[in-house]
């Protein structure tokens, strides 16, 4: 298991540190230098008011091939066959990519099974 820590949005001095745990699963790990199996884990710092979309977008910008796979370049929306699970529930049930990140959230990114 690989775990990385990255900061996006930049916390302001004196601001409480907030983290979201992002797990990239399965074939998508090949875009992160993995073998296309298993999982890659990231702890991402975020700022108050930041959305899940902003957190994932910021992380993926550091990995150009993953970024291209996750985001449609024409409209900036999530690319085809990508699923997000937030705290073990698919997005769209209670929260969306445009929901604010909550400290300790766990987001899993995986390719949709055909």
C-alpha atoms as a PDB file:
ATOM      1  CA  UNK A   1       0.000   0.000   0.000  1.00  0.00           C
ATOM      2  CA  UNK A   2       1.340   3.411  -0.949  1.00  0.00           C
ATOM      3  CA  UNK A   3       0.271   6.504   0.934  1.00  0.00           C
ATOM      4  CA  UNK A   4       1.032  10.061  -0.100  1.00  0.00           C
ATOM      5  CA  UNK A   5       0.259  13.377   1.526  1.00  0.00           C
ATOM      6  CA  UNK A   6      -0.440  16.397  -0.611  1.00  0.00           C
ATOM      7  CA  UNK A   7      -1.783  19.844   0.012  1.00  0.00           C
ATOM      8  CA  UNK A   8      -4.224  21.678  -2.217  1.00  0.00           C
ATOM      9  CA  UNK A   9      -5.890  24.965  -1.575  1.00  0.00           C
ATOM     10  CA  UNK A  10      -3.285  25.718   1.091  1.00  0.00           C
ATOM     11  CA  UNK A  11      -4.378  26.109   4.686  1.00  0.00           C
ATOM     12  CA  UNK A  12      -4.181  29.626   6.082  1.00  0.00           C
ATOM     13  CA  UNK A  13      -1.878  30.168   9.068  1.00  0.00           C
ATOM     14  CA  UNK A  14      -3.726  29.335  12.265  1.00  0.00           C
ATOM     15  CA  UNK A  15      -6.405  27.352  10.419  1.00  0.00           C
ATOM     16  CA  UNK A  16      -7.173  23.851  11.689  1.00  0.00           C
ATOM     17  CA  UNK A  17      -5.674  21.169   9.458  1.00  0.00           C
ATOM     18  CA  UNK A  18      -8.330  19.199   7.584  1.00  0.00           C
ATOM     19  CA  UNK A  19      -7.726  15.986   5.641  1.00  0.00           C
ATOM     20  CA  UNK A  20      -9.611  13.848   3.177  1.00  0.00           C
ATOM     21  CA  UNK A  21      -8.438  10.303   2.500  1.00  0.00           C
ATOM     22  CA  UNK A  22      -8.506   9.464  -1.202  1.00  0.00           C
ATOM     23  CA  UNK A  23      -8.074   5.902  -2.444  1.00  0.00           C
ATOM     24  CA  UNK A  24      -7.488   5.129  -6.115  1.00  0.00           C
ATOM     25  CA  UNK A  25      -8.468   1.552  -6.848  1.00  0.00           C
ATOM     26  CA  UNK A  26      -7.817  -1.063  -9.526  1.00  0.00           C
ATOM     27  CA  UNK A  27      -6.757  -0.229 -13.063  1.00  0.00           C
ATOM     28  CA  UNK A  28      -6.564   3.504 -12.285  1.00  0.00           C
ATOM     29  CA  UNK A  29      -3.428   2.825 -10.206  1.00  0.00           C
ATOM     30  CA  UNK A  30      -1.556   2.286 -13.490  1.00  0.00           C
ATOM     31  CA  UNK A  31      -1.883   6.051 -14.047  1.00  0.00           C
ATOM     32  CA  UNK A  32      -0.057   6.586 -10.745  1.00  0.00           C
ATOM     33  CA  UNK A  33       2.931   4.352 -11.482  1.00  0.00           C
ATOM     34  CA  UNK A  34       1.251   1.208 -10.141  1.00  0.00           C
ATOM     35  CA  UNK A  35       0.628  -2.097 -11.867  1.00  0.00           C
ATOM     36  CA  UNK A  36      -3.092  -1.606 -12.500  1.00  0.00           C
ATOM     37  CA  UNK A  37      -4.160  -3.541  -9.419  1.00  0.00           C
ATOM     38  CA  UNK A  38      -4.521  -2.905  -5.732  1.00  0.00           C
ATOM     39  CA  UNK A  39      -4.895   0.546  -4.235  1.00  0.00           C
ATOM     40  CA  UNK A  40      -3.000   3.807  -3.858  1.00  0.00           C
ATOM     41  CA  UNK A  41      -3.806   5.961  -0.841  1.00  0.00           C
ATOM     42  CA  UNK A  42      -3.477   9.718  -0.466  1.00  0.00           C
ATOM     43  CA  UNK A  43      -4.121  12.082   2.430  1.00  0.00           C
ATOM     44  CA  UNK A  44      -5.055  15.462   1.007  1.00  0.00           C
ATOM     45  CA  UNK A  45      -5.161  18.674   3.034  1.00  0.00           C
ATOM     46  CA  UNK A  46      -8.063  20.936   2.152  1.00  0.00           C
ATOM     47  CA  UNK A  47      -9.442  24.336   3.067  1.00  0.00           C
ATOM     48  CA  UNK A  48     -12.802  25.122   4.634  1.00  0.00           C
ATOM     49  CA  UNK A  49     -15.463  25.349   1.911  1.00  0.00           C
ATOM     50  CA  UNK A  50     -13.527  23.272  -0.624  1.00  0.00           C
ATOM     51  CA  UNK A  51     -15.591  20.765  -2.621  1.00  0.00           C
ATOM     52  CA  UNK A  52     -14.890  17.122  -3.350  1.00  0.00           C
ATOM     53  CA  UNK A  53     -14.491  18.073  -7.028  1.00  0.00           C
ATOM     54  CA  UNK A  54     -11.787  20.618  -6.131  1.00  0.00           C
ATOM     55  CA  UNK A  55      -9.954  18.108  -3.921  1.00  0.00           C
ATOM     56  CA  UNK A  56      -9.914  15.397  -6.610  1.00  0.00           C
ATOM     57  CA  UNK A  57      -9.103  17.881  -9.391  1.00  0.00           C
ATOM     58  CA  UNK A  58      -6.188  19.284  -7.375  1.00  0.00           C
ATOM     59  CA  UNK A  59      -4.799  15.825  -6.615  1.00  0.00           C
ATOM     60  CA  UNK A  60      -5.145  14.617 -10.206  1.00  0.00           C
ATOM     61  CA  UNK A  61      -3.312  17.655 -11.607  1.00  0.00           C
ATOM     62  CA  UNK A  62      -0.130  16.153 -10.147  1.00  0.00           C
ATOM     63  CA  UNK A  63      -0.681  13.010 -12.256  1.00  0.00           C
ATOM     64  CA  UNK A  64      -1.383  14.077 -15.864  1.00  0.00           C
ATOM     65  CA  UNK A  65      -2.433  10.645 -17.183  1.00  0.00           C
ATOM     66  CA  UNK A  66      -4.821  10.123 -14.258  1.00  0.00           C
ATOM     67  CA  UNK A  67      -6.136  13.658 -14.741  1.00  0.00           C
ATOM     68  CA  UNK A  68      -6.906  12.929 -18.414  1.00  0.00           C
ATOM     69  CA  UNK A  69      -8.703   9.707 -17.455  1.00  0.00           C
ATOM     70  CA  UNK A  70     -10.838  11.317 -14.734  1.00  0.00           C
ATOM     71  CA  UNK A  71     -11.920  14.554 -16.434  1.00  0.00           C
ATOM     72  CA  UNK A  72     -13.535  15.272 -19.801  1.00  0.00           C
ATOM     73  CA  UNK A  73     -11.396  18.028 -21.394  1.00  0.00           C
ATOM     74  CA  UNK A  74     -14.356  19.529 -23.286  1.00  0.00           C
ATOM     75  CA  UNK A  75     -16.578  20.218 -20.288  1.00  0.00           C
ATOM     76  CA  UNK A  76     -14.539  19.524 -17.131  1.00  0.00           C
ATOM     77  CA  UNK A  77     -17.019  16.874 -15.997  1.00  0.00           C
ATOM     78  CA  UNK A  78     -16.100  13.396 -14.787  1.00  0.00           C
ATOM     79  CA  UNK A  79     -15.011  11.154 -17.639  1.00  0.00           C
ATOM     80  CA  UNK A  80     -16.904   8.031 -18.680  1.00  0.00           C
ATOM     81  CA  UNK A  81     -16.742   4.871 -16.578  1.00  0.00           C
ATOM     82  CA  UNK A  82     -15.460   6.546 -13.405  1.00  0.00           C
ATOM     83  CA  UNK A  83     -17.187   5.941 -10.074  1.00  0.00           C
ATOM     84  CA  UNK A  84     -16.697   7.790  -6.800  1.00  0.00           C
ATOM     85  CA  UNK A  85     -17.653   6.346  -3.426  1.00  0.00           C
ATOM     86  CA  UNK A  86     -17.728   8.682  -0.448  1.00  0.00           C
ATOM     87  CA  UNK A  87     -17.571   6.986   2.932  1.00  0.00           C
ATOM     88  CA  UNK A  88     -18.570   3.715   1.191  1.00  0.00           C
ATOM     89  CA  UNK A  89     -21.630   5.162  -0.611  1.00  0.00           C
ATOM     90  CA  UNK A  90     -21.806   6.093  -4.285  1.00  0.00           C
ATOM     91  CA  UNK A  91     -21.922   9.832  -4.894  1.00  0.00           C
ATOM     92  CA  UNK A  92     -25.356  11.093  -5.818  1.00  0.00           C
ATOM     93  CA  UNK A  93     -27.109   9.360  -2.921  1.00  0.00           C
ATOM     94  CA  UNK A  94     -26.544  11.924  -0.164  1.00  0.00           C
ATOM     95  CA  UNK A  95     -23.645  14.019  -1.485  1.00  0.00           C
ATOM     96  CA  UNK A  96     -22.145  14.959  -4.844  1.00  0.00           C
ATOM     97  CA  UNK A  97     -18.775  16.085  -6.192  1.00  0.00           C
ATOM     98  CA  UNK A  98     -19.955  19.627  -5.513  1.00  0.00           C
ATOM     99  CA  UNK A  99     -20.517  18.931  -1.797  1.00  0.00           C
ATOM    100  CA  UNK A 100     -18.075  20.430   0.676  1.00  0.00           C
ATOM    101  CA  UNK A 101     -15.330  18.154   1.925  1.00  0.00           C
ATOM    102  CA  UNK A 102     -15.713  17.125   5.559  1.00  0.00           C
ATOM    103  CA  UNK A 103     -12.689  16.367   7.733  1.00  0.00           C
ATOM    104  CA  UNK A 104     -11.976  12.638   7.662  1.00  0.00           C
ATOM    105  CA  UNK A 105     -14.035  11.894   4.530  1.00  0.00           C
ATOM    106  CA  UNK A 106     -12.911   8.795   2.621  1.00  0.00           C
ATOM    107  CA  UNK A 107     -13.250   9.000  -1.150  1.00  0.00           C
ATOM    108  CA  UNK A 108     -12.651   5.978  -3.374  1.00  0.00           C
ATOM    109  CA  UNK A 109     -12.106   6.456  -7.111  1.00  0.00           C
ATOM    110  CA  UNK A 110     -12.510   3.430  -9.368  1.00  0.00           C
ATOM    111  CA  UNK A 111     -13.360   2.506 -12.920  1.00  0.00           C
ATOM    112  CA  UNK A 112     -16.933   1.364 -13.422  1.00  0.00           C
ATOM    113  CA  UNK A 113     -17.371  -2.343 -14.091  1.00  0.00           C
ATOM    114  CA  UNK A 114     -18.904  -3.139 -17.454  1.00  0.00           C
END
